[in-house]
Amino acid sequence: MSHTLLTRDQIAERAAQDIPDGAYVNLGIGLPTKIAKYLPADKDVFLHSENGLLAFGPPPAKGEEDPELINAGKEYVTMLDGGSFFHHGDSFAMMRGGHIDICVLGAFQVASNGDLANWSTGAEGAIPAVGGAMDLAVGAKKVFVMTNHTTKTGEPKIVSELTYPVTGKHCVDRIFTDLCVIDVTVKGLVVTEIVDGMSFAELQAVTGATLIDATGIDATQA
């Protein structure tokens, strides 16, 4: 295969393009937090963190870190004009009450029906880390997933059925990987973009669920 994998930052930059102006967005711990660096300046996007932040901005310049301004992943952030911080109980009320337009989460597995597993592999000795993912999976209006397409050992992360403990059922709407962009639809997993140099057949070969090729379809005509 002659394709080039997207870097973690390139996945975040691509996902940031699909966040609309005016959206209230929760960025999950890990890879999704990188989105904060790539939101276009001409969009008003209100970032939410489950530890009690709303309308925070990108990471601060070196030397300007404020130890009291961190996101849920314990990373330094900045606050935008009008931003606020509050008790995490209020933050979870926002998540559970349907006030978050989009949440972006990492994943161990995503099933073809939109089921998500991202808190434990079930492996002996593994430390489960669900955080607010279950609340977001059912409370956010849309769920985006950012992940590598396969594990470090080459096992598919996009599968027909989950084999890891479930975070949320039928909750994922779109998947951004280092190989492609996939929409989870009632018809199945629809591939809308593939990295340059990779064929659909090659993508299907490293995926554990049946894919539908829509890369040649003009979205305006679909």
Protein backbone atom coordinates (compact mmCIF):
# COMPACT_ATOMS: atom_id res chain seq x y z
CA MET A 1 0.00 0.00 0.00
CA SER A 2 1.31 3.43 -0.93
CA HIS A 3 -1.01 5.54 1.18
CA THR A 4 0.09 7.78 4.04
CA LEU A 5 -1.61 7.59 7.43
CA LEU A 6 -3.01 10.82 8.81
CA THR A 7 -1.22 12.03 11.92
CA ARG A 8 -3.14 12.59 15.16
CA ASP A 9 -3.10 16.33 14.47
CA GLN A 10 -4.38 15.83 10.92
CA ILE A 11 -7.29 13.73 12.22
CA ALA A 12 -8.12 16.52 14.68
CA GLU A 13 -7.86 19.17 11.97
CA ARG A 14 -10.21 17.18 9.73
CA ALA A 15 -12.76 16.64 12.51
CA ALA A 16 -12.69 20.35 13.37
CA GLN A 17 -13.93 21.12 9.86
CA ASP A 18 -17.23 19.33 10.58
CA ILE A 19 -18.07 21.32 13.70
CA PRO A 20 -20.60 24.03 12.74
CA ASP A 21 -20.68 27.64 13.81
CA GLY A 22 -22.47 28.18 17.12
CA ALA A 23 -22.11 24.58 18.34
CA TYR A 24 -21.64 23.58 21.97
CA VAL A 25 -19.01 20.85 21.84
CA ASN A 26 -17.45 18.52 24.40
CA LEU A 27 -13.97 17.23 23.57
CA GLY A 28 -13.16 13.89 25.17
CA ILE A 29 -9.88 13.06 26.87
CA GLY A 30 -6.95 12.24 24.61
CA LEU A 31 -6.97 12.73 20.87
CA PRO A 32 -10.22 14.79 20.70
CA THR A 33 -8.73 17.58 22.82
CA LYS A 34 -6.43 18.42 19.89
CA ILE A 35 -9.47 19.82 18.04
CA ALA A 36 -9.23 23.00 20.14
CA LYS A 37 -6.10 23.97 18.19
CA TYR A 38 -7.79 23.69 14.80
CA LEU A 39 -11.15 25.41 15.13
CA PRO A 40 -11.30 28.20 12.53
CA ALA A 41 -11.23 31.74 13.89
CA ASP A 42 -14.33 32.69 11.88
CA LYS A 43 -16.48 30.19 13.80
CA ASP A 44 -17.96 30.67 17.27
CA VAL A 45 -17.67 27.24 18.86
CA PHE A 46 -18.31 26.87 22.58
CA LEU A 47 -16.06 24.15 23.98
CA HIS A 48 -17.30 22.32 27.07
CA SER A 49 -15.23 20.21 29.47
CA GLU A 50 -16.80 17.81 31.94
CA ASN A 51 -14.71 19.14 34.84
CA GLY A 52 -16.64 22.43 34.56
CA LEU A 53 -15.53 24.72 31.74
CA LEU A 54 -17.48 26.39 28.95
CA ALA A 55 -16.06 28.50 26.12
CA PHE A 56 -12.41 27.63 26.60
CA GLY A 57 -9.80 28.10 23.92
CA PRO A 58 -6.58 26.53 22.64
CA PRO A 59 -3.56 25.70 24.80
CA PRO A 60 -1.71 28.70 26.22
CA ALA A 61 1.73 29.82 25.09
CA LYS A 62 4.62 28.32 27.00
CA GLY A 63 5.10 30.17 30.27
CA GLU A 64 1.50 31.43 30.33
CA GLU A 65 -0.09 28.31 31.77
CA ASP A 66 -2.63 28.79 34.57
CA PRO A 67 -2.75 25.72 36.86
CA GLU A 68 -6.42 26.46 37.62
CA LEU A 69 -7.42 26.33 33.94
CA ILE A 70 -7.26 22.72 32.76
CA ASN A 71 -9.54 20.49 30.75
CA ALA A 72 -10.77 17.03 31.73
CA GLY A 73 -7.52 15.55 30.43
CA LYS A 74 -5.50 17.75 32.82
CA GLU A 75 -4.15 19.78 29.90
CA TYR A 76 -3.73 23.55 30.14
CA VAL A 77 -6.32 25.64 28.27
CA THR A 78 -7.17 29.31 27.83
CA MET A 79 -10.54 30.97 28.42
CA LEU A 80 -12.30 32.97 25.73
CA ASP A 81 -14.21 36.20 26.39
CA GLY A 82 -17.45 35.25 28.11
CA GLY A 83 -16.14 31.84 29.13
CA SER A 84 -17.03 30.40 32.53
CA PHE A 85 -16.15 27.65 34.96
CA PHE A 86 -18.44 25.91 37.43
CA HIS A 87 -19.05 22.80 39.55
CA HIS A 88 -18.71 19.52 37.70
CA GLY A 89 -22.22 18.59 38.88
CA ASP A 90 -23.57 21.45 36.75
CA SER A 91 -21.34 20.30 33.93
CA PHE A 92 -22.83 16.81 33.99
CA ALA A 93 -26.33 18.34 34.09
CA MET A 94 -25.50 20.04 30.78
CA MET A 95 -24.32 16.72 29.34
CA ARG A 96 -27.24 14.65 30.60
CA GLY A 97 -29.82 17.32 29.81
CA GLY A 98 -29.20 17.34 26.07
CA HIS A 99 -27.47 20.73 25.98
CA ILE A 100 -24.33 19.55 24.15
CA ASP A 101 -24.62 19.62 20.35
CA ILE A 102 -21.61 17.42 19.60
CA CYS A 103 -19.25 15.35 21.70
CA VAL A 104 -16.03 13.99 20.25
CA LEU A 105 -14.76 10.80 21.87
CA GLY A 106 -11.96 8.32 21.44
CA ALA A 107 -12.72 4.64 20.96
CA PHE A 108 -11.45 1.13 21.46
CA GLN A 109 -14.17 -0.16 19.13
CA VAL A 110 -17.12 1.15 17.11
CA ALA A 111 -19.72 -1.30 15.82
CA SER A 112 -21.50 -1.05 12.49
CA ASN A 113 -24.74 -0.05 14.25
CA GLY A 114 -23.07 2.84 16.10
CA ASP A 115 -22.39 1.06 19.40
CA LEU A 116 -19.33 2.49 21.18
CA ALA A 117 -16.73 0.93 23.48
CA ASN A 118 -14.19 3.36 24.87
CA TRP A 119 -13.80 2.86 28.61
CA SER A 120 -12.27 -0.60 29.04
CA THR A 121 -10.85 -3.41 26.96
CA GLY A 122 -11.82 -5.83 29.68
CA ALA A 123 -8.18 -7.00 29.83
CA GLU A 124 -6.88 -8.32 33.14
CA GLY A 125 -5.14 -5.54 35.03
CA ALA A 126 -6.51 -2.81 32.76
CA ILE A 127 -7.62 0.35 34.53
CA PRO A 128 -11.18 1.28 33.45
CA ALA A 129 -11.61 4.98 32.74
CA VAL A 130 -15.15 5.85 31.74
CA GLY A 131 -15.24 9.46 33.00
CA GLY A 132 -18.25 11.18 31.47
CA ALA A 133 -18.25 9.16 28.24
CA MET A 134 -21.46 7.25 29.04
CA ASP A 135 -23.27 10.49 29.89
CA LEU A 136 -22.04 12.14 26.70
CA ALA A 137 -22.83 9.13 24.51
CA VAL A 138 -26.51 9.32 25.43
CA GLY A 139 -26.80 13.04 26.20
CA ALA A 140 -25.09 14.76 23.26
CA LYS A 141 -27.15 15.40 20.14
CA LYS A 142 -24.36 14.00 17.93
CA VAL A 143 -21.39 11.78 18.72
CA PHE A 144 -18.19 11.95 16.69
CA VAL A 145 -15.39 9.42 17.21
CA MET A 146 -11.70 10.02 16.54
CA THR A 147 -9.42 6.98 16.52
CA ASN A 148 -6.74 5.12 14.66
CA HIS A 149 -8.35 2.71 12.22
CA THR A 150 -6.60 -0.30 13.75
CA THR A 151 -4.85 -1.18 17.00
CA LYS A 152 -1.06 -1.16 17.31
CA THR A 153 -1.13 -4.86 16.46
CA GLY A 154 -3.31 -4.34 13.39
CA GLU A 155 -6.66 -5.46 14.79
CA PRO A 156 -9.69 -3.56 13.41
CA LYS A 157 -11.30 -1.00 15.69
CA ILE A 158 -14.38 -0.74 13.47
CA VAL A 159 -16.21 -4.03 13.87
CA SER A 160 -19.52 -5.75 13.16
CA GLU A 161 -20.25 -6.18 16.88
CA LEU A 162 -18.45 -4.96 19.99
CA THR A 163 -16.32 -7.43 21.92
CA TYR A 164 -15.35 -4.87 24.58
CA PRO A 165 -17.62 -3.51 27.36
CA VAL A 166 -20.22 -1.10 25.97
CA THR A 167 -20.10 2.65 26.60
CA GLY A 168 -23.26 3.52 24.67
CA LYS A 169 -25.55 1.83 22.15
CA HIS A 170 -26.50 3.22 18.73
CA CYS A 171 -24.85 6.52 19.61
CA VAL A 172 -22.03 7.17 17.10
CA ASP A 173 -22.84 9.38 14.10
CA ARG A 174 -19.45 9.88 12.41
CA ILE A 175 -15.99 8.30 12.66
CA PHE A 176 -12.72 10.02 11.83
CA THR A 177 -9.70 7.71 11.53
CA ASP A 178 -6.17 7.96 10.19
CA LEU A 179 -7.46 6.33 6.99
CA CYS A 180 -10.96 7.66 6.33
CA VAL A 181 -14.17 9.39 7.35
CA ILE A 182 -17.23 7.19 7.93
CA ASP A 183 -20.86 8.13 8.52
CA VAL A 184 -22.91 5.70 10.61
CA THR A 185 -26.31 5.49 8.90
CA VAL A 186 -29.40 3.30 8.92
CA LYS A 187 -28.00 1.69 5.76
CA GLY A 188 -24.65 0.93 7.38
CA LEU A 189 -21.15 2.37 7.52
CA VAL A 190 -20.79 4.85 4.66
CA VAL A 191 -17.25 5.87 3.72
CA THR A 192 -17.18 9.47 2.48
CA GLU A 193 -13.39 10.05 2.36
CA ILE A 194 -10.28 7.88 2.08
CA VAL A 195 -6.66 9.00 2.39
CA ASP A 196 -4.79 9.56 -0.87
CA GLY A 197 -3.26 6.43 -2.32
CA MET A 198 -5.59 3.96 -0.62
CA SER A 199 -8.27 2.01 -2.45
CA PHE A 200 -11.67 1.16 -1.02
CA ALA A 201 -10.75 -2.54 -1.18
CA GLU A 202 -7.63 -1.91 0.90
CA LEU A 203 -9.69 0.00 3.46
CA GLN A 204 -12.25 -2.77 3.64
CA ALA A 205 -9.47 -5.31 4.23
CA VAL A 206 -8.41 -3.58 7.48
CA THR A 207 -11.97 -3.07 8.71
CA GLY A 208 -13.93 -5.60 10.74
CA ALA A 209 -17.34 -4.56 9.38
CA THR A 210 -18.87 -4.17 5.95
CA LEU A 211 -18.37 -0.70 4.46
CA ILE A 212 -20.34 1.19 1.81
CA ASP A 213 -18.29 3.22 -0.68
CA ALA A 214 -19.63 6.74 -1.17
CA THR A 215 -16.32 8.42 -1.96
CA GLY A 216 -17.26 9.04 -5.57
CA ILE A 217 -20.65 10.57 -4.78
CA ASP A 218 -21.11 14.33 -4.86
CA ALA A 219 -22.70 15.13 -1.49
CA THR A 220 -24.73 17.94 -3.09
CA GLN A 221 -26.33 15.44 -5.45
CA ALA A 222 -26.79 12.60 -2.94
